[in-house]
Amino acid sequence: MTCLYVLEVPENEGVVEVAASDPDNRIDKVGPYVRITSDDDIVIDRRATGCRHAVWYSSIAGLEDARIVQHDKDALRVVRR
């Protein structure tokens, strides 16, 4: 399972909303974090989130059994390790 953590703050709402719009992703809360999990890759389009670059590049709080293969101005792609 691919797992990404995002701090639950207003600035990251767009990231969580876009992730939640993908039916393959599951969203739940763990303490102050939103956990995004999937049996496949997690792909989040930056423009769809409405995040500015500074928020975008600081939105990732952690990974579990996963690695980032793309994190640029276009998208975030997290794959299973």
PDB file of N, CA and C in Angstrom:
ATOM      1  N   MET A   1       0.845  -1.175   0.000  1.00  0.00           N
ATOM      2  CA  MET A   1       0.000   0.000   0.000  1.00  0.00           C
ATOM      3  C   MET A   1       0.894   1.243   0.000  1.00  0.00           C
ATOM      4  N   THR A   2       0.527   2.231  -0.777  1.00  0.00           N
ATOM      5  CA  THR A   2       1.223   3.506  -0.841  1.00  0.00           C
ATOM      6  C   THR A   2       0.593   4.436   0.179  1.00  0.00           C
ATOM      7  N   CYS A   3       1.411   5.127   0.978  1.00  0.00           N
ATOM      8  CA  CYS A   3       0.880   5.957   2.056  1.00  0.00           C
ATOM      9  C   CYS A   3       1.632   7.289   2.137  1.00  0.00           C
ATOM     10  N   LEU A   4       0.858   8.368   2.152  1.00  0.00           N
ATOM     11  CA  LEU A   4       1.379   9.734   2.208  1.00  0.00           C
ATOM     12  C   LEU A   4       0.681  10.458   3.347  1.00  0.00           C
ATOM     13  N   TYR A   5       1.441  11.222   4.132  1.00  0.00           N
ATOM     14  CA  TYR A   5       0.873  12.020   5.210  1.00  0.00           C
ATOM     15  C   TYR A   5       1.012  13.502   4.883  1.00  0.00           C
ATOM     16  N   VAL A   6      -0.061  14.253   5.178  1.00  0.00           N
ATOM     17  CA  VAL A   6      -0.096  15.695   4.972  1.00  0.00           C
ATOM     18  C   VAL A   6      -0.603  16.314   6.272  1.00  0.00           C
ATOM     19  N   LEU A   7       0.062  17.356   6.746  1.00  0.00           N
ATOM     20  CA  LEU A   7      -0.394  18.035   7.951  1.00  0.00           C
ATOM     21  C   LEU A   7      -1.767  18.648   7.696  1.00  0.00           C
ATOM     22  N   GLU A   8      -2.691  18.443   8.622  1.00  0.00           N
ATOM     23  CA  GLU A   8      -4.049  18.960   8.454  1.00  0.00           C
ATOM     24  C   GLU A   8      -4.086  20.438   8.869  1.00  0.00           C
ATOM     25  N   VAL A   9      -3.835  21.291   7.898  1.00  0.00           N
ATOM     26  CA  VAL A   9      -3.911  22.751   8.068  1.00  0.00           C
ATOM     27  C   VAL A   9      -4.641  23.320   6.857  1.00  0.00           C
ATOM     28  N   PRO A  10      -5.236  24.501   6.993  1.00  0.00           N
ATOM     29  CA  PRO A  10      -5.997  25.072   5.878  1.00  0.00           C
ATOM     30  C   PRO A  10      -5.208  25.184   4.569  1.00  0.00           C
ATOM     31  N   GLU A  11      -3.923  25.443   4.659  1.00  0.00           N
ATOM     32  CA  GLU A  11      -3.111  25.594   3.449  1.00  0.00           C
ATOM     33  C   GLU A  11      -3.070  24.310   2.622  1.00  0.00           C
ATOM     34  N   ASN A  12      -3.218  23.162   3.267  1.00  0.00           N
ATOM     35  CA  ASN A  12      -3.121  21.875   2.564  1.00  0.00           C
ATOM     36  C   ASN A  12      -4.468  21.303   2.153  1.00  0.00           C
ATOM     37  N   GLU A  13      -5.552  22.021   2.372  1.00  0.00           N
ATOM     38  CA  GLU A  13      -6.885  21.506   2.033  1.00  0.00           C
ATOM     39  C   GLU A  13      -7.004  21.126   0.560  1.00  0.00           C
ATOM     40  N   GLY A  14      -6.423  21.920  -0.329  1.00  0.00           N
ATOM     41  CA  GLY A  14      -6.489  21.617  -1.758  1.00  0.00           C
ATOM     42  C   GLY A  14      -5.824  20.299  -2.096  1.00  0.00           C
ATOM     43  N   VAL A  15      -4.710  20.001  -1.455  1.00  0.00           N
ATOM     44  CA  VAL A  15      -4.006  18.738  -1.685  1.00  0.00           C
ATOM     45  C   VAL A  15      -4.901  17.570  -1.275  1.00  0.00           C
ATOM     46  N   VAL A  16      -5.508  17.684  -0.103  1.00  0.00           N
ATOM     47  CA  VAL A  16      -6.369  16.613   0.404  1.00  0.00           C
ATOM     48  C   VAL A  16      -7.612  16.465  -0.479  1.00  0.00           C
ATOM     49  N   GLU A  17      -8.211  17.572  -0.887  1.00  0.00           N
ATOM     50  CA  GLU A  17      -9.410  17.518  -1.725  1.00  0.00           C
ATOM     51  C   GLU A  17      -9.134  16.840  -3.064  1.00  0.00           C
ATOM     52  N   VAL A  18      -8.022  17.182  -3.690  1.00  0.00           N
ATOM     53  CA  VAL A  18      -7.685  16.560  -4.974  1.00  0.00           C
ATOM     54  C   VAL A  18      -7.392  15.074  -4.777  1.00  0.00           C
ATOM     55  N   ALA A  19      -6.677  14.731  -3.720  1.00  0.00           N
ATOM     56  CA  ALA A  19      -6.412  13.313  -3.445  1.00  0.00           C
ATOM     57  C   ALA A  19      -7.717  12.563  -3.192  1.00  0.00           C
ATOM     58  N   ALA A  20      -8.634  13.181  -2.462  1.00  0.00           N
ATOM     59  CA  ALA A  20      -9.913  12.542  -2.139  1.00  0.00           C
ATOM     60  C   ALA A  20     -10.800  12.365  -3.371  1.00  0.00           C
ATOM     61  N   SER A  21     -10.575  13.168  -4.394  1.00  0.00           N
ATOM     62  CA  SER A  21     -11.401  13.068  -5.602  1.00  0.00           C
ATOM     63  C   SER A  21     -11.053  11.837  -6.446  1.00  0.00           C
ATOM     64  N   ASP A  22      -9.923  11.212  -6.165  1.00  0.00           N
ATOM     65  CA  ASP A  22      -9.529   9.985  -6.864  1.00  0.00           C
ATOM     66  C   ASP A  22     -10.145   8.797  -6.120  1.00  0.00           C
ATOM     67  N   PRO A  23     -11.032   8.034  -6.756  1.00  0.00           N
ATOM     68  CA  PRO A  23     -11.701   6.933  -6.058  1.00  0.00           C
ATOM     69  C   PRO A  23     -10.761   5.822  -5.589  1.00  0.00           C
ATOM     70  N   ASP A  24      -9.539   5.775  -6.104  1.00  0.00           N
ATOM     71  CA  ASP A  24      -8.573   4.766  -5.666  1.00  0.00           C
ATOM     72  C   ASP A  24      -7.897   5.129  -4.353  1.00  0.00           C
ATOM     73  N   ASN A  25      -8.009   6.397  -3.944  1.00  0.00           N
ATOM     74  CA  ASN A  25      -7.370   6.855  -2.716  1.00  0.00           C
ATOM     75  C   ASN A  25      -8.328   6.763  -1.538  1.00  0.00           C
ATOM     76  N   ARG A  26      -7.775   6.463  -0.377  1.00  0.00           N
ATOM     77  CA  ARG A  26      -8.537   6.463   0.869  1.00  0.00           C
ATOM     78  C   ARG A  26      -7.956   7.547   1.777  1.00  0.00           C
ATOM     79  N   ILE A  27      -8.822   8.292   2.424  1.00  0.00           N
ATOM     80  CA  ILE A  27      -8.414   9.406   3.267  1.00  0.00           C
ATOM     81  C   ILE A  27      -8.882   9.130   4.684  1.00  0.00           C
ATOM     82  N   ASP A  28      -7.970   9.275   5.659  1.00  0.00           N
ATOM     83  CA  ASP A  28      -8.365   9.241   7.061  1.00  0.00           C
ATOM     84  C   ASP A  28      -7.423  10.136   7.853  1.00  0.00           C
ATOM     85  N   LYS A  29      -7.731  10.314   9.126  1.00  0.00           N
ATOM     86  CA  LYS A  29      -6.933  11.212   9.961  1.00  0.00           C
ATOM     87  C   LYS A  29      -6.188  10.406  11.009  1.00  0.00           C
ATOM     88  N   VAL A  30      -4.931  10.793  11.211  1.00  0.00           N
ATOM     89  CA  VAL A  30      -4.073  10.190  12.215  1.00  0.00           C
ATOM     90  C   VAL A  30      -3.449  11.340  12.992  1.00  0.00           C
ATOM     91  N   GLY A  31      -3.954  11.589  14.176  1.00  0.00           N
ATOM     92  CA  GLY A  31      -3.472  12.729  14.948  1.00  0.00           C
ATOM     93  C   GLY A  31      -3.676  14.006  14.152  1.00  0.00           C
ATOM     94  N   PRO A  32      -2.638  14.842  14.034  1.00  0.00           N
ATOM     95  CA  PRO A  32      -2.782  16.097  13.299  1.00  0.00           C
ATOM     96  C   PRO A  32      -2.547  15.963  11.789  1.00  0.00           C
ATOM     97  N   TYR A  33      -2.520  14.734  11.297  1.00  0.00           N
ATOM     98  CA  TYR A  33      -2.215  14.484   9.889  1.00  0.00           C
ATOM     99  C   TYR A  33      -3.402  13.874   9.149  1.00  0.00           C
ATOM    100  N   VAL A  34      -3.424  14.112   7.853  1.00  0.00           N
ATOM    101  CA  VAL A  34      -4.331  13.412   6.958  1.00  0.00           C
ATOM    102  C   VAL A  34      -3.494  12.337   6.281  1.00  0.00           C
ATOM    103  N   ARG A  35      -3.964  11.107   6.348  1.00  0.00           N
ATOM    104  CA  ARG A  35      -3.264   9.997   5.706  1.00  0.00           C
ATOM    105  C   ARG A  35      -3.980   9.682   4.400  1.00  0.00           C
ATOM    106  N   ILE A  36      -3.221   9.655   3.320  1.00  0.00           N
ATOM    107  CA  ILE A  36      -3.732   9.322   1.993  1.00  0.00           C
ATOM    108  C   ILE A  36      -3.106   7.991   1.619  1.00  0.00           C
ATOM    109  N   THR A  37      -3.951   6.980   1.382  1.00  0.00           N
ATOM    110  CA  THR A  37      -3.439   5.659   1.024  1.00  0.00           C
ATOM    111  C   THR A  37      -4.081   5.173  -0.265  1.00  0.00           C
ATOM    112  N   SER A  38      -3.358   4.292  -0.944  1.00  0.00           N
ATOM    113  CA  SER A  38      -3.851   3.707  -2.186  1.00  0.00           C
ATOM    114  C   SER A  38      -3.140   2.393  -2.431  1.00  0.00           C
ATOM    115  N   ASP A  39      -3.809   1.499  -3.134  1.00  0.00           N
ATOM    116  CA  ASP A  39      -3.166   0.257  -3.560  1.00  0.00           C
ATOM    117  C   ASP A  39      -2.292   0.494  -4.782  1.00  0.00           C
ATOM    118  N   ASP A  40      -2.459   1.648  -5.423  1.00  0.00           N
ATOM    119  CA  ASP A  40      -1.679   2.035  -6.598  1.00  0.00           C
ATOM    120  C   ASP A  40      -0.861   3.279  -6.268  1.00  0.00           C
ATOM    121  N   ASP A  41      -0.320   3.912  -7.289  1.00  0.00           N
ATOM    122  CA  ASP A  41       0.392   5.176  -7.101  1.00  0.00           C
ATOM    123  C   ASP A  41      -0.583   6.262  -6.654  1.00  0.00           C
ATOM    124  N   ILE A  42      -0.090   7.207  -5.887  1.00  0.00           N
ATOM    125  CA  ILE A  42      -0.858   8.397  -5.532  1.00  0.00           C
ATOM    126  C   ILE A  42      -0.331   9.512  -6.421  1.00  0.00           C
ATOM    127  N   VAL A  43      -1.223  10.107  -7.208  1.00  0.00           N
ATOM    128  CA  VAL A  43      -0.840  11.184  -8.113  1.00  0.00           C
ATOM    129  C   VAL A  43      -1.749  12.379  -7.837  1.00  0.00           C
ATOM    130  N   ILE A  44      -1.133  13.532  -7.563  1.00  0.00           N
ATOM    131  CA  ILE A  44      -1.881  14.741  -7.271  1.00  0.00           C
ATOM    132  C   ILE A  44      -1.387  15.846  -8.200  1.00  0.00           C
ATOM    133  N   ASP A  45      -2.307  16.426  -8.951  1.00  0.00           N
ATOM    134  CA  ASP A  45      -1.990  17.499  -9.880  1.00  0.00           C
ATOM    135  C   ASP A  45      -1.914  18.825  -9.122  1.00  0.00           C
ATOM    136  N   ARG A  46      -0.775  19.500  -9.178  1.00  0.00           N
ATOM    137  CA  ARG A  46      -0.591  20.739  -8.414  1.00  0.00           C
ATOM    138  C   ARG A  46      -1.593  21.807  -8.806  1.00  0.00           C
ATOM    139  N   ARG A  47      -1.812  22.018 -10.074  1.00  0.00           N
ATOM    140  CA  ARG A  47      -2.716  23.088 -10.507  1.00  0.00           C
ATOM    141  C   ARG A  47      -4.139  22.866  -9.998  1.00  0.00           C
ATOM    142  N   ALA A  48      -4.558  21.615  -9.939  1.00  0.00           N
ATOM    143  CA  ALA A  48      -5.902  21.297  -9.440  1.00  0.00           C
ATOM    144  C   ALA A  48      -6.043  21.624  -7.959  1.00  0.00           C
ATOM    145  N   THR A  49      -4.937  21.612  -7.215  1.00  0.00           N
ATOM    146  CA  THR A  49      -4.997  21.893  -5.779  1.00  0.00           C
ATOM    147  C   THR A  49      -5.161  23.378  -5.492  1.00  0.00           C
ATOM    148  N   GLY A  50      -4.741  24.222  -6.436  1.00  0.00           N
ATOM    149  CA  GLY A  50      -4.775  25.660  -6.197  1.00  0.00           C
ATOM    150  C   GLY A  50      -3.656  26.143  -5.289  1.00  0.00           C
ATOM    151  N   CYS A  51      -2.713  25.270  -4.956  1.00  0.00           N
ATOM    152  CA  CYS A  51      -1.608  25.626  -4.062  1.00  0.00           C
ATOM    153  C   CYS A  51      -0.552  26.444  -4.795  1.00  0.00           C
ATOM    154  N   ARG A  52      -0.053  27.426  -4.092  1.00  0.00           N
ATOM    155  CA  ARG A  52       1.115  28.136  -4.596  1.00  0.00           C
ATOM    156  C   ARG A  52       2.337  27.253  -4.383  1.00  0.00           C
ATOM    157  N   HIS A  53       3.423  27.591  -5.056  1.00  0.00           N
ATOM    158  CA  HIS A  53       4.609  26.739  -5.031  1.00  0.00           C
ATOM    159  C   HIS A  53       5.142  26.512  -3.611  1.00  0.00           C
ATOM    160  N   ALA A  54       5.209  27.537  -2.782  1.00  0.00           N
ATOM    161  CA  ALA A  54       5.764  27.379  -1.436  1.00  0.00           C
ATOM    162  C   ALA A  54       4.951  26.377  -0.616  1.00  0.00           C
ATOM    163  N   VAL A  55       3.646  26.445  -0.689  1.00  0.00           N
ATOM    164  CA  VAL A  55       2.791  25.497   0.037  1.00  0.00           C
ATOM    165  C   VAL A  55       2.937  24.113  -0.574  1.00  0.00           C
ATOM    166  N   TRP A  56       2.925  24.043  -1.887  1.00  0.00           N
ATOM    167  CA  TRP A  56       3.034  22.767  -2.593  1.00  0.00           C
ATOM    168  C   TRP A  56       4.277  21.997  -2.160  1.00  0.00           C
ATOM    169  N   TYR A  57       5.418  22.661  -2.159  1.00  0.00           N
ATOM    170  CA  TYR A  57       6.673  21.974  -1.861  1.00  0.00           C
ATOM    171  C   TYR A  57       6.850  21.660  -0.378  1.00  0.00           C
ATOM    172  N   SER A  58       6.003  22.223   0.488  1.00  0.00           N
ATOM    173  CA  SER A  58       6.111  21.940   1.919  1.00  0.00           C
ATOM    174  C   SER A  58       4.938  21.119   2.443  1.00  0.00           C
ATOM    175  N   SER A  59       4.091  20.626   1.567  1.00  0.00           N
ATOM    176  CA  SER A  59       2.874  19.941   2.010  1.00  0.00           C
ATOM    177  C   SER A  59       3.101  18.515   2.512  1.00  0.00           C
ATOM    178  N   ILE A  60       4.181  17.877   2.128  1.00  0.00           N
ATOM    179  CA  ILE A  60       4.412  16.483   2.507  1.00  0.00           C
ATOM    180  C   ILE A  60       4.965  16.414   3.926  1.00  0.00           C
ATOM    181  N   ALA A  61       4.254  15.696   4.789  1.00  0.00           N
ATOM    182  CA  ALA A  61       4.703  15.533   6.167  1.00  0.00           C
ATOM    183  C   ALA A  61       5.440  14.212   6.363  1.00  0.00           C
ATOM    184  N   GLY A  62       5.109  13.206   5.546  1.00  0.00           N
ATOM    185  CA  GLY A  62       5.780  11.925   5.700  1.00  0.00           C
ATOM    186  C   GLY A  62       5.274  10.887   4.722  1.00  0.00           C
ATOM    187  N   LEU A  63       6.007   9.785   4.659  1.00  0.00           N
ATOM    188  CA  LEU A  63       5.670   8.653   3.796  1.00  0.00           C
ATOM    189  C   LEU A  63       5.769   7.380   4.614  1.00  0.00           C
ATOM    190  N   GLU A  64       5.017   6.365   4.202  1.00  0.00           N
ATOM    191  CA  GLU A  64       5.117   5.061   4.844  1.00  0.00           C
ATOM    192  C   GLU A  64       5.150   4.003   3.751  1.00  0.00           C
ATOM    193  N   ASP A  65       6.241   3.245   3.703  1.00  0.00           N
ATOM    194  CA  ASP A  65       6.423   2.221   2.668  1.00  0.00           C
ATOM    195  C   ASP A  65       6.215   2.792   1.269  1.00  0.00           C
ATOM    196  N   ALA A  66       6.713   3.995   1.041  1.00  0.00           N
ATOM    197  CA  ALA A  66       6.519   4.670  -0.244  1.00  0.00           C
ATOM    198  C   ALA A  66       7.727   5.545  -0.536  1.00  0.00           C
ATOM    199  N   ARG A  67       7.792   5.989  -1.777  1.00  0.00           N
ATOM    200  CA  ARG A  67       8.841   6.942  -2.166  1.00  0.00           C
ATOM    201  C   ARG A  67       8.276   7.894  -3.204  1.00  0.00           C
ATOM    202  N   ILE A  68       8.837   9.082  -3.245  1.00  0.00           N
ATOM    203  CA  ILE A  68       8.418  10.103  -4.197  1.00  0.00           C
ATOM    204  C   ILE A  68       9.229   9.938  -5.471  1.00  0.00           C
ATOM    205  N   VAL A  69       8.541   9.846  -6.606  1.00  0.00           N
ATOM    206  CA  VAL A  69       9.235   9.751  -7.888  1.00  0.00           C
ATOM    207  C   VAL A  69       9.038  11.022  -8.712  1.00  0.00           C
ATOM    208  N   GLN A  70       8.096  11.859  -8.311  1.00  0.00           N
ATOM    209  CA  GLN A  70       7.889  13.149  -8.974  1.00  0.00           C
ATOM    210  C   GLN A  70       7.332  14.125  -7.949  1.00  0.00           C
ATOM    211  N   HIS A  71       7.958  15.274  -7.834  1.00  0.00           N
ATOM    212  CA  HIS A  71       7.437  16.357  -6.997  1.00  0.00           C
ATOM    213  C   HIS A  71       7.963  17.646  -7.614  1.00  0.00           C
ATOM    214  N   ASP A  72       7.217  18.122  -8.591  1.00  0.00           N
ATOM    215  CA  ASP A  72       7.637  19.308  -9.315  1.00  0.00           C
ATOM    216  C   ASP A  72       6.453  20.258  -9.459  1.00  0.00           C
ATOM    217  N   LYS A  73       6.588  21.250 -10.315  1.00  0.00           N
ATOM    218  CA  LYS A  73       5.543  22.267 -10.472  1.00  0.00           C
ATOM    219  C   LYS A  73       4.259  21.705 -11.080  1.00  0.00           C
ATOM    220  N   ASP A  74       4.313  20.490 -11.603  1.00  0.00           N
ATOM    221  CA  ASP A  74       3.150  19.887 -12.246  1.00  0.00           C
ATOM    222  C   ASP A  74       2.398  18.895 -11.364  1.00  0.00           C
ATOM    223  N   ALA A  75       3.136  18.043 -10.668  1.00  0.00           N
ATOM    224  CA  ALA A  75       2.452  16.964  -9.946  1.00  0.00           C
ATOM    225  C   ALA A  75       3.315  16.382  -8.842  1.00  0.00           C
ATOM    226  N   LEU A  76       2.636  15.648  -7.972  1.00  0.00           N
ATOM    227  CA  LEU A  76       3.275  14.822  -6.961  1.00  0.00           C
ATOM    228  C   LEU A  76       2.886  13.381  -7.276  1.00  0.00           C
ATOM    229  N   ARG A  77       3.890  12.514  -7.402  1.00  0.00           N
ATOM    230  CA  ARG A  77       3.639  11.092  -7.654  1.00  0.00           C
ATOM    231  C   ARG A  77       4.393  10.301  -6.594  1.00  0.00           C
ATOM    232  N   VAL A  78       3.627   9.539  -5.827  1.00  0.00           N
ATOM    233  CA  VAL A  78       4.181   8.702  -4.765  1.00  0.00           C
ATOM    234  C   VAL A  78       3.886   7.258  -5.137  1.00  0.00           C
ATOM    235  N   VAL A  79       4.920   6.411  -5.071  1.00  0.00           N
ATOM    236  CA  VAL A  79       4.782   5.011  -5.432  1.00  0.00           C
ATOM    237  C   VAL A  79       5.147   4.122  -4.242  1.00  0.00           C
ATOM    238  N   ARG A  80       4.674   2.893  -4.307  1.00  0.00           N
ATOM    239  CA  ARG A  80       4.993   1.923  -3.274  1.00  0.00           C
ATOM    240  C   ARG A  80       6.471   1.626  -3.299  1.00  0.00           C
ATOM    241  N   ARG A  81       7.060   1.474  -2.153  1.00  0.00           N
ATOM    242  CA  ARG A  81       8.492   1.182  -2.047  1.00  0.00           C
ATOM    243  C   ARG A  81       8.783  -0.252  -2.384  1.00  0.00           C
TER     244      ARG A  81
END
